[in-house]
Amino acid sequence: MREGTDLTPGSSAVRDIYSVSRLNHEAKRLLETRFLRIWIEGEVSNVSRPASGHIYFCLKDPGAQIRCALFRLKAREVRCLPENGRSVLLYAQVSLYEGRGDFQLIVEEVEEAGEGALRRAFEALKARLAREGLFDGSRKRPLPRIPRRIGIITSPSGAAVRDILTTLRRRFPAIPVLIYPVPVQGAGAAPHIAMMIEYAAARGDCDVLILARGGGSLEDLWAFNEEEVARAILACPLPIVTGIGHEIDFTIADLVADVRAPTPTAAAELLSPNGAEWLALFTQQNLRLTRSMYRELERKGQRVDLAALRLARPTGRLAALAARVVSLDLRLRRGVAERLARTQGQMSLLATRLESHSPARRLESVRLRFHGQPRRVTDAVWRAIEAKRDRCARLAGRLQILSPLATLGRGYSIIERERDGHVVRRPEDVADGEWVRARLSEGQLRCQAHGAVRKPVSGGAGDRKD
């Protein structure tokens, strides 16, 4: 190839001669830099679908036509595939196929021709609301973990409400549902939806709302792209989950809502906990609680057994006191007998001394004097003995009165604190509501103290000092 100034034929100057490849390449670059991407409308014809997965067709109007290419990856994303005779709106890159020099469009999006205006209106409203901050994540409200009641704003006869109810019954049937019926497409649907959102918020019967409908075209879903619906969602104090159309469908309501679910069924799954998982969790918690209770009962039982072993029992003390009473009785009897023997010995000694020192002449007088004296002495001795016996009986009676066994036998009891086994002598020794044990002559009782009367505090003029 020679380069130079392209002159008229016959000129001797060097001419700039293009190759076919160079011409097609520069033409392609010129088209792609000049037009960038455009929206174009026309009728589809000559559709071809080779094994590669790409789609080739022509876009025509009454005066002209142009070749178009929709490559495989893009074809998977578009909802409206080109078909012969269909009027479509294409978003495409103007280009040129260098191998054949064919002028063509590289298609990126395909819509039915009627959706073009709606799509542009959607993008304009989306941009304006985004600038106002309606889509900001900071204003999104959290969803309740387990809803008290779920409100569903949708058509009562559509498939969406059946899918939602079926999913809720399957996952967590205990959650009640309240349906707010509205039309979900057509003229006047948007005002009804906005009004029902305000009505549900004012009633306050639910703590979360689902705004849902089944799939459809952009025109079918247009009620959810209206500004008044977006404003109603923004003003609603209740969190709102949207489940509108299919996973590839996006509406203005989805962007304003607190959470967007790809389908109505997914919205129901998002708000309902898994009943089987919760049941398994409750079973596990119940098992742990039961084990903990058994361990605590066993620990308390061990403490009770230990306290019972440490509890002082009065049986041994009472036996010791009884043995001491018997010993004192024996000592008393022995002492009385010894005292009587000593007295008799003294009397014999005195009689002997009297007899040895008494003269004969005084014998008669002494005899007369002491006539009947032995009887009096004997009577005195027996009176002394009787007095000692009476005193011994009184002492034995007093000992019997002081004996704990006798006290218990008369209907009294010994009160001991359950926590330490100490004997209760005053009301101040126990607290109100404290457990005590009452020892009886036969067995014992476990009691709880209530309304214990406390000793009044001294200090008044009429108070008795103990």
Protein backbone atom coordinates (compact mmCIF):
# COMPACT_ATOMS: atom_id res chain seq x y z
CA MET A 1 0.00 0.00 0.00
CA ARG A 2 1.28 3.43 -0.96
CA GLU A 3 0.30 6.55 0.93
CA GLY A 4 0.29 10.12 -0.32
CA THR A 5 -1.94 12.80 -1.62
CA ASP A 6 -4.89 11.44 -3.55
CA LEU A 7 -4.83 13.37 -6.86
CA THR A 8 -6.84 13.17 -10.01
CA PRO A 9 -6.19 10.33 -12.46
CA GLY A 10 -3.07 10.77 -14.44
CA SER A 11 -1.33 12.77 -11.73
CA SER A 12 2.18 11.71 -10.92
CA ALA A 13 1.77 12.34 -7.18
CA VAL A 14 1.47 9.42 -4.74
CA ARG A 15 -2.17 8.40 -4.13
CA ASP A 16 -3.76 7.18 -0.81
CA ILE A 17 -5.20 3.82 -1.75
CA TYR A 18 -7.54 2.05 0.76
CA SER A 19 -7.78 -1.66 1.14
CA VAL A 20 -11.19 -3.18 1.67
CA SER A 21 -10.27 -4.16 5.24
CA ARG A 22 -9.05 -0.66 6.03
CA LEU A 23 -12.18 0.93 4.65
CA ASN A 24 -14.49 -1.38 6.58
CA HIS A 25 -12.46 -0.90 9.75
CA GLU A 26 -12.52 2.88 9.60
CA ALA A 27 -16.19 2.87 8.68
CA LYS A 28 -16.93 0.69 11.70
CA ARG A 29 -14.96 2.98 14.00
CA LEU A 30 -16.67 6.03 12.59
CA LEU A 31 -20.13 4.53 13.14
CA GLU A 32 -19.40 3.35 16.69
CA THR A 33 -17.89 6.66 17.79
CA ARG A 34 -20.56 8.77 16.13
CA PHE A 35 -23.73 7.05 17.22
CA LEU A 36 -22.66 5.29 20.45
CA ARG A 37 -25.85 3.45 21.64
CA ILE A 38 -29.32 4.32 20.43
CA TRP A 39 -32.97 3.33 20.82
CA ILE A 40 -34.54 2.27 17.52
CA GLU A 41 -38.02 0.99 16.71
CA GLY A 42 -39.15 -1.29 13.87
CA GLU A 43 -40.59 -4.63 12.79
CA VAL A 44 -38.66 -7.90 13.07
CA SER A 45 -38.14 -10.11 10.00
CA ASN A 46 -35.84 -12.89 8.77
CA VAL A 47 -35.09 -14.27 12.25
CA SER A 48 -32.27 -16.83 12.32
CA ARG A 49 -31.14 -18.92 15.31
CA PRO A 50 -27.96 -20.90 14.54
CA ALA A 51 -26.47 -23.52 16.85
CA SER A 52 -24.13 -20.94 18.38
CA GLY A 53 -27.03 -19.48 20.37
CA HIS A 54 -26.82 -16.04 18.72
CA ILE A 55 -29.94 -14.56 17.11
CA TYR A 56 -29.74 -12.73 13.79
CA PHE A 57 -32.65 -10.80 12.26
CA CYS A 58 -33.61 -7.70 10.28
CA LEU A 59 -35.32 -4.61 11.66
CA LYS A 60 -37.42 -2.77 9.05
CA ASP A 61 -39.90 -0.01 8.54
CA PRO A 62 -41.83 0.86 5.35
CA GLY A 63 -38.75 2.55 3.82
CA ALA A 64 -35.66 0.55 4.86
CA GLN A 65 -34.20 -2.31 6.84
CA ILE A 66 -31.02 -3.06 8.80
CA ARG A 67 -29.33 -6.25 9.95
CA CYS A 68 -29.26 -6.92 13.71
CA ALA A 69 -27.28 -9.33 15.93
CA LEU A 70 -28.36 -10.41 19.44
CA PHE A 71 -25.52 -12.42 20.92
CA ARG A 72 -26.04 -15.45 23.14
CA LEU A 73 -25.23 -13.91 26.56
CA LYS A 74 -27.52 -10.94 25.95
CA ALA A 75 -30.24 -13.23 24.60
CA ARG A 76 -30.39 -14.95 27.99
CA GLU A 77 -31.15 -11.67 29.73
CA VAL A 78 -33.84 -10.11 27.55
CA ARG A 79 -37.50 -10.90 28.27
CA CYS A 80 -38.84 -10.18 24.78
CA LEU A 81 -37.05 -12.24 22.13
CA PRO A 82 -37.36 -11.07 18.52
CA GLU A 83 -39.98 -12.91 16.43
CA ASN A 84 -41.01 -12.37 12.82
CA GLY A 85 -43.65 -9.70 12.51
CA ARG A 86 -43.26 -8.35 16.07
CA SER A 87 -42.82 -4.61 16.56
CA VAL A 88 -39.97 -4.03 18.99
CA LEU A 89 -37.88 -1.29 20.55
CA LEU A 90 -34.15 -2.03 20.49
CA TYR A 91 -31.31 -0.56 22.53
CA ALA A 92 -28.27 -1.20 20.32
CA GLN A 93 -24.77 -0.21 19.26
CA VAL A 94 -24.45 0.95 15.62
CA SER A 95 -21.65 -1.03 14.04
CA LEU A 96 -20.37 -2.68 10.85
CA TYR A 97 -19.43 -6.30 10.26
CA GLU A 98 -16.02 -5.93 8.66
CA GLY A 99 -15.93 -9.41 7.11
CA ARG A 100 -18.81 -8.66 4.75
CA GLY A 101 -19.06 -4.92 4.99
CA ASP A 102 -22.59 -5.26 6.35
CA PHE A 103 -24.04 -2.31 8.27
CA GLN A 104 -25.67 -3.74 11.46
CA LEU A 105 -26.88 -3.19 15.00
CA ILE A 106 -25.42 -5.02 18.02
CA VAL A 107 -28.55 -5.44 20.20
CA GLU A 108 -28.33 -5.16 24.01
CA GLU A 109 -31.99 -4.85 25.04
CA VAL A 110 -35.29 -5.79 23.40
CA GLU A 111 -38.71 -4.48 24.39
CA GLU A 112 -42.06 -4.57 22.77
CA ALA A 113 -42.66 -1.34 20.97
CA GLY A 114 -45.39 -0.28 23.40
CA GLU A 115 -42.99 -0.53 26.38
CA GLY A 116 -40.52 2.04 25.12
CA ALA A 117 -42.30 5.08 26.47
CA LEU A 118 -42.99 3.30 29.72
CA ARG A 119 -39.34 2.34 30.08
CA ARG A 120 -38.22 5.93 29.55
CA ALA A 121 -40.79 7.16 32.08
CA PHE A 122 -39.58 4.49 34.53
CA GLU A 123 -35.95 5.59 34.20
CA ALA A 124 -36.86 9.27 34.58
CA LEU A 125 -38.92 8.66 37.75
CA LYS A 126 -36.27 6.34 39.13
CA ALA A 127 -33.57 8.98 38.69
CA ARG A 128 -35.67 11.72 40.29
CA LEU A 129 -36.66 9.65 43.32
CA ALA A 130 -33.07 8.50 43.76
CA ARG A 131 -31.95 12.13 43.93
CA GLU A 132 -34.56 12.73 46.65
CA GLY A 133 -33.16 9.83 48.70
CA LEU A 134 -36.17 7.51 48.54
CA PHE A 135 -33.94 4.51 47.84
CA ASP A 136 -31.37 5.17 50.62
CA GLY A 137 -30.61 2.13 52.78
CA SER A 138 -30.46 4.28 55.93
CA ARG A 139 -34.26 4.69 55.96
CA LYS A 140 -34.99 0.97 55.53
CA ARG A 141 -36.82 -0.54 58.52
CA PRO A 142 -35.85 -3.93 60.00
CA LEU A 143 -38.25 -6.85 59.68
CA PRO A 144 -39.73 -8.52 62.78
CA ARG A 145 -38.14 -11.83 63.68
CA ILE A 146 -41.53 -13.51 64.18
CA PRO A 147 -44.40 -11.35 62.88
CA ARG A 148 -47.43 -10.97 65.14
CA ARG A 149 -49.65 -10.72 62.03
CA ILE A 150 -48.80 -10.33 58.33
CA GLY A 151 -50.81 -8.05 56.07
CA ILE A 152 -50.95 -8.88 52.34
CA ILE A 153 -51.83 -6.12 49.87
CA THR A 154 -52.66 -7.82 46.57
CA SER A 155 -55.47 -9.06 44.37
CA PRO A 156 -57.59 -11.59 46.33
CA SER A 157 -58.12 -13.68 43.19
CA GLY A 158 -54.55 -13.73 41.86
CA ALA A 159 -51.99 -16.52 41.98
CA ALA A 160 -49.71 -14.41 44.19
CA VAL A 161 -51.98 -14.55 47.25
CA ARG A 162 -52.39 -18.34 46.87
CA ASP A 163 -48.62 -18.81 46.68
CA ILE A 164 -48.09 -16.65 49.77
CA LEU A 165 -50.75 -18.42 51.85
CA THR A 166 -49.50 -21.86 50.79
CA THR A 167 -45.94 -20.95 51.78
CA LEU A 168 -46.99 -19.53 55.17
CA ARG A 169 -49.08 -22.63 55.98
CA ARG A 170 -46.18 -24.85 55.08
CA ARG A 171 -43.48 -23.00 57.01
CA PHE A 172 -45.19 -21.46 60.07
CA PRO A 173 -49.00 -21.86 60.15
CA ALA A 174 -49.30 -20.12 63.56
CA ILE A 175 -48.81 -16.65 62.02
CA PRO A 176 -52.20 -15.02 61.29
CA VAL A 177 -52.71 -13.25 57.95
CA LEU A 178 -54.88 -10.28 56.99
CA ILE A 179 -55.56 -9.64 53.27
CA TYR A 180 -56.11 -6.10 51.98
CA PRO A 181 -57.68 -6.54 48.51
CA VAL A 182 -56.64 -4.17 45.69
CA PRO A 183 -56.51 -4.26 41.87
CA VAL A 184 -52.92 -4.82 40.76
CA GLN A 185 -53.06 -3.58 37.17
CA GLY A 186 -54.99 -1.29 34.92
CA ALA A 187 -56.17 2.29 35.23
CA GLY A 188 -56.84 3.30 38.83
CA ALA A 189 -54.83 0.45 40.37
CA ALA A 190 -52.07 2.73 41.70
CA PRO A 191 -54.43 5.01 43.73
CA HIS A 192 -56.12 1.95 45.26
CA ILE A 193 -52.74 0.47 46.23
CA ALA A 194 -51.54 3.73 47.80
CA MET A 195 -54.81 4.15 49.69
CA MET A 196 -54.70 0.56 51.01
CA ILE A 197 -51.13 1.04 52.27
CA GLU A 198 -52.26 4.13 54.20
CA TYR A 199 -55.32 2.26 55.50
CA ALA A 200 -53.27 -0.72 56.72
CA ALA A 201 -50.83 1.62 58.46
CA ALA A 202 -53.68 3.52 60.15
CA ARG A 203 -55.36 0.32 61.45
CA GLY A 204 -52.15 -1.05 62.94
CA ASP A 205 -53.48 -4.65 62.86
CA CYS A 206 -50.21 -6.00 61.42
CA ASP A 207 -46.56 -5.42 62.15
CA VAL A 208 -45.35 -6.07 58.57
CA LEU A 209 -46.89 -5.83 55.09
CA ILE A 210 -46.36 -7.77 51.84
CA LEU A 211 -47.04 -5.89 48.60
CA ALA A 212 -47.30 -8.55 45.88
CA ARG A 213 -48.57 -9.59 42.48
CA GLY A 214 -47.66 -12.17 39.85
CA GLY A 215 -45.46 -11.68 36.80
CA GLY A 216 -46.32 -9.75 33.66
CA SER A 217 -45.09 -7.21 31.17
CA LEU A 218 -43.84 -3.74 32.07
CA GLU A 219 -47.26 -2.39 31.25
CA ASP A 220 -48.92 -5.00 33.55
CA LEU A 221 -46.63 -4.02 36.42
CA TRP A 222 -46.91 -0.28 35.81
CA ALA A 223 -49.15 0.39 38.84
CA PHE A 224 -46.14 -0.38 41.02
CA ASN A 225 -44.05 2.20 39.15
CA GLU A 226 -46.37 5.10 39.96
CA GLU A 227 -45.00 7.88 42.18
CA GLU A 228 -48.01 7.87 44.54
CA VAL A 229 -47.37 4.22 45.41
CA ALA A 230 -43.71 5.01 46.10
CA ARG A 231 -44.71 7.93 48.35
CA ALA A 232 -47.20 5.76 50.24
CA ILE A 233 -44.54 3.11 50.89
CA LEU A 234 -42.13 5.81 52.10
CA ALA A 235 -44.72 7.26 54.52
CA CYS A 236 -45.86 3.89 55.90
CA PRO A 237 -44.55 3.31 59.48
CA LEU A 238 -44.75 -0.47 58.99
CA PRO A 239 -41.95 -2.36 57.23
CA ILE A 240 -42.97 -3.43 53.71
CA VAL A 241 -41.68 -6.41 51.72
CA THR A 242 -42.37 -6.44 47.98
CA GLY A 243 -42.79 -9.61 45.95
CA ILE A 244 -43.73 -8.27 42.51
CA GLY A 245 -43.47 -10.35 39.34
CA HIS A 246 -40.51 -12.62 38.68
CA GLU A 247 -36.87 -12.37 39.70
CA ILE A 248 -35.95 -10.25 36.64
CA ASP A 249 -38.78 -7.74 37.26
CA PHE A 250 -37.84 -4.53 39.04
CA THR A 251 -40.28 -1.76 39.95
CA ILE A 252 -40.08 1.59 41.74
CA ALA A 253 -41.97 -0.02 44.64
CA ASP A 254 -39.17 -2.61 44.98
CA LEU A 255 -36.58 0.15 45.29
CA VAL A 256 -38.52 2.13 47.93
CA ALA A 257 -39.64 -0.89 49.98
CA ASP A 258 -37.68 -1.98 53.04
CA VAL A 259 -36.92 -5.40 51.51
CA ARG A 260 -37.39 -6.63 47.94
CA ALA A 261 -38.13 -10.34 47.42
CA PRO A 262 -37.78 -11.77 43.90
CA THR A 263 -41.25 -13.44 43.97
CA PRO A 264 -44.36 -13.50 46.19
CA THR A 265 -43.35 -16.95 47.44
CA ALA A 266 -39.91 -15.64 48.38
CA ALA A 267 -41.55 -12.77 50.30
CA ALA A 268 -43.56 -15.26 52.37
CA GLU A 269 -40.44 -17.35 53.03
CA LEU A 270 -38.55 -14.22 54.07
CA LEU A 271 -41.12 -13.32 56.75
CA SER A 272 -41.96 -16.79 58.07
CA PRO A 273 -39.48 -18.74 60.21
CA ASN A 274 -38.91 -22.39 59.43
CA GLY A 275 -41.34 -24.24 61.69
CA ALA A 276 -39.32 -27.48 61.65
CA GLU A 277 -36.15 -25.65 62.73
CA TRP A 278 -38.02 -23.89 65.54
CA LEU A 279 -39.55 -27.17 66.72
CA ALA A 280 -36.11 -28.78 66.80
CA LEU A 281 -34.77 -25.80 68.74
CA PHE A 282 -37.62 -26.01 71.27
CA THR A 283 -37.04 -29.74 71.69
CA GLN A 284 -33.33 -29.17 72.31
CA GLN A 285 -34.02 -26.38 74.81
CA ASN A 286 -36.59 -28.55 76.63
CA LEU A 287 -34.06 -31.37 76.91
CA ARG A 288 -31.41 -29.01 78.28
CA LEU A 289 -33.88 -27.54 80.78
CA THR A 290 -34.97 -31.00 81.96
CA ARG A 291 -31.36 -32.09 82.48
CA SER A 292 -30.58 -28.90 84.36
CA MET A 293 -33.61 -29.39 86.63
CA TYR A 294 -32.62 -32.98 87.44
CA ARG A 295 -29.05 -31.87 88.26
CA GLU A 296 -30.36 -29.10 90.52
CA LEU A 297 -32.77 -31.49 92.28
CA GLU A 298 -29.95 -33.97 92.86
CA ARG A 299 -27.73 -31.21 94.26
CA LYS A 300 -30.50 -29.99 96.58
CA GLY A 301 -31.18 -33.56 97.72
CA GLN A 302 -27.53 -34.02 98.65
CA ARG A 303 -27.65 -30.80 100.67
CA VAL A 304 -30.77 -32.00 102.50
CA ASP A 305 -29.14 -35.35 103.31
CA LEU A 306 -26.03 -33.59 104.64
CA ALA A 307 -28.15 -31.24 106.76
CA ALA A 308 -30.09 -34.21 108.16
CA LEU A 309 -26.83 -35.86 109.22
CA ARG A 310 -25.66 -32.68 110.93
CA LEU A 311 -29.00 -32.09 112.68
CA ALA A 312 -28.69 -32.49 116.48
CA ARG A 313 -31.12 -35.13 117.85
CA PRO A 314 -32.36 -34.89 121.57
CA THR A 315 -32.67 -38.65 122.07
CA GLY A 316 -29.18 -39.10 123.49
CA ARG A 317 -29.47 -36.07 125.73
CA LEU A 318 -32.82 -37.21 127.09
CA ALA A 319 -31.40 -40.67 127.86
CA ALA A 320 -28.49 -39.07 129.72
CA LEU A 321 -30.88 -36.94 131.76
CA ALA A 322 -33.01 -39.98 132.61
CA ALA A 323 -29.93 -41.90 133.76
CA ARG A 324 -28.93 -38.94 135.92
CA VAL A 325 -32.40 -38.86 137.51
CA VAL A 326 -32.09 -42.56 138.37
CA SER A 327 -28.62 -41.97 139.82
CA LEU A 328 -29.87 -39.08 141.94
CA ASP A 329 -32.76 -41.17 143.21
CA LEU A 330 -30.37 -43.94 144.27
CA ARG A 331 -28.05 -41.45 145.95
CA LEU A 332 -31.01 -39.91 147.78
CA ARG A 333 -32.22 -43.25 149.07
CA ARG A 334 -28.70 -44.21 150.12
CA GLY A 335 -28.24 -40.87 151.88
CA VAL A 336 -31.49 -41.23 153.82
CA ALA A 337 -30.56 -44.74 154.93
CA GLU A 338 -27.08 -43.62 156.00
CA ARG A 339 -28.51 -40.62 157.89
CA LEU A 340 -30.97 -42.87 159.70
CA ALA A 341 -28.21 -45.29 160.64
CA ARG A 342 -26.04 -42.45 161.96
CA THR A 343 -28.94 -41.11 164.01
CA GLN A 344 -29.63 -44.52 165.51
CA GLY A 345 -25.95 -44.92 166.35
CA GLN A 346 -25.86 -41.53 168.04
CA MET A 347 -28.96 -42.44 170.02
CA SER A 348 -27.34 -45.69 171.19
CA LEU A 349 -24.19 -43.84 172.20
CA LEU A 350 -26.15 -41.25 174.11
CA ALA A 351 -28.16 -43.95 175.85
CA THR A 352 -24.96 -45.68 176.90
CA ARG A 353 -23.45 -42.46 178.19
CA LEU A 354 -26.60 -41.64 180.07
CA GLU A 355 -26.72 -45.04 181.60
CA SER A 356 -23.07 -44.89 182.70
CA HIS A 357 -23.38 -41.47 184.24
CA SER A 358 -26.79 -41.93 185.94
CA PRO A 359 -26.61 -42.66 189.74
CA ALA A 360 -28.93 -45.22 191.16
CA ARG A 361 -30.75 -42.77 193.27
CA ARG A 362 -31.65 -40.77 190.26
CA LEU A 363 -32.51 -43.80 188.30
CA GLU A 364 -36.12 -43.70 189.15
CA SER A 365 -36.45 -40.05 188.43
CA VAL A 366 -34.49 -40.46 185.32
CA ARG A 367 -36.62 -43.45 184.45
CA LEU A 368 -39.72 -41.49 185.12
CA ARG A 369 -38.23 -38.58 183.38
CA PHE A 370 -37.38 -40.56 180.36
CA HIS A 371 -40.47 -42.75 180.49
CA GLY A 372 -41.94 -42.78 177.05
CA GLN A 373 -38.87 -40.97 175.63
CA PRO A 374 -37.88 -43.79 173.31
CA ARG A 375 -41.31 -43.70 171.78
CA ARG A 376 -41.09 -39.97 171.31
CA VAL A 377 -37.62 -40.33 169.87
CA THR A 378 -38.83 -43.07 167.63
CA ASP A 379 -41.76 -40.94 166.58
CA ALA A 380 -39.46 -38.00 166.00
CA VAL A 381 -37.13 -40.17 163.97
CA TRP A 382 -40.00 -41.50 161.88
CA ARG A 383 -41.35 -38.01 161.52
CA ALA A 384 -37.90 -36.93 160.34
CA ILE A 385 -37.82 -39.90 158.01
CA GLU A 386 -41.27 -39.05 156.68
CA ALA A 387 -40.17 -35.42 156.21
CA LYS A 388 -37.11 -36.57 154.30
CA ARG A 389 -39.26 -38.90 152.22
CA ASP A 390 -41.70 -36.07 151.50
CA ARG A 391 -38.79 -33.85 150.56
CA CYS A 392 -37.32 -36.62 148.39
CA ALA A 393 -40.72 -37.07 146.71
CA ARG A 394 -40.98 -33.32 146.10
CA LEU A 395 -37.46 -33.27 144.67
CA ALA A 396 -38.30 -36.28 142.48
CA GLY A 397 -41.48 -34.51 141.37
CA ARG A 398 -39.51 -31.38 140.57
CA LEU A 399 -36.98 -33.47 138.67
CA GLN A 400 -39.84 -35.12 136.80
CA ILE A 401 -41.26 -31.69 135.98
CA LEU A 402 -37.87 -30.52 134.75
CA SER A 403 -37.42 -33.67 132.62
CA PRO A 404 -37.82 -32.94 128.85
CA LEU A 405 -39.59 -36.29 128.42
CA ALA A 406 -42.26 -35.32 130.88
CA THR A 407 -42.71 -31.98 129.16
CA LEU A 408 -43.10 -33.64 125.78
CA GLY A 409 -45.53 -36.13 127.28
CA ARG A 410 -47.82 -33.30 128.43
CA GLY A 411 -48.29 -32.12 124.84
CA TYR A 412 -45.37 -29.70 124.60
CA SER A 413 -42.77 -29.77 121.86
CA ILE A 414 -39.17 -28.71 121.26
CA ILE A 415 -38.86 -26.24 118.37
CA GLU A 416 -35.59 -26.31 116.39
CA ARG A 417 -34.47 -24.22 113.42
CA GLU A 418 -34.26 -26.35 110.30
CA ARG A 419 -31.20 -24.58 108.92
CA ASP A 420 -28.88 -25.19 111.94
CA GLY A 421 -30.77 -27.36 114.50
CA HIS A 422 -30.66 -24.73 117.27
CA VAL A 423 -33.49 -24.79 119.84
CA VAL A 424 -35.91 -21.87 119.49
CA ARG A 425 -36.52 -20.12 122.82
CA ARG A 426 -37.78 -16.70 121.66
CA PRO A 427 -39.70 -15.43 118.65
CA GLU A 428 -36.62 -13.41 117.71
CA ASP A 429 -34.74 -16.68 117.04
CA VAL A 430 -36.68 -17.33 113.80
CA ALA A 431 -37.46 -15.18 110.77
CA ASP A 432 -40.94 -14.82 109.32
CA GLY A 433 -41.47 -17.63 106.79
CA GLU A 434 -38.50 -19.70 108.10
CA TRP A 435 -38.87 -23.51 108.28
CA VAL A 436 -38.59 -25.16 111.78
CA ARG A 437 -39.01 -28.70 113.20
CA ALA A 438 -41.26 -29.46 116.21
CA ARG A 439 -40.02 -32.48 118.25
CA LEU A 440 -42.98 -34.26 119.95
CA SER A 441 -43.10 -37.11 122.41
CA GLU A 442 -43.65 -39.36 119.42
CA GLY A 443 -42.24 -38.16 116.06
CA GLN A 444 -41.74 -34.64 114.73
CA LEU A 445 -43.44 -32.00 112.52
CA ARG A 446 -41.98 -29.67 109.88
CA CYS A 447 -43.53 -26.15 110.21
CA GLN A 448 -43.13 -22.70 108.74
CA ALA A 449 -43.11 -19.65 111.04
CA HIS A 450 -45.56 -16.87 110.21
CA GLY A 451 -46.38 -13.66 112.12
CA ALA A 452 -43.75 -14.11 114.83
CA VAL A 453 -44.38 -11.63 117.69
CA ARG A 454 -41.25 -9.68 118.45
CA LYS A 455 -40.38 -8.41 121.97
CA PRO A 456 -41.24 -4.68 122.19
CA VAL A 457 -38.26 -2.36 122.41
CA SER A 458 -37.78 -0.96 125.96
CA GLY A 459 -37.69 2.76 126.48
CA GLY A 460 -41.23 3.83 127.43
CA ALA A 461 -42.21 4.78 130.95
CA GLY A 462 -44.51 1.75 131.29
CA ASP A 463 -42.24 -0.83 129.70
CA ARG A 464 -41.20 -3.79 131.84
CA LYS A 465 -37.45 -4.39 131.98
CA ASP A 466 -36.36 -8.02 131.80
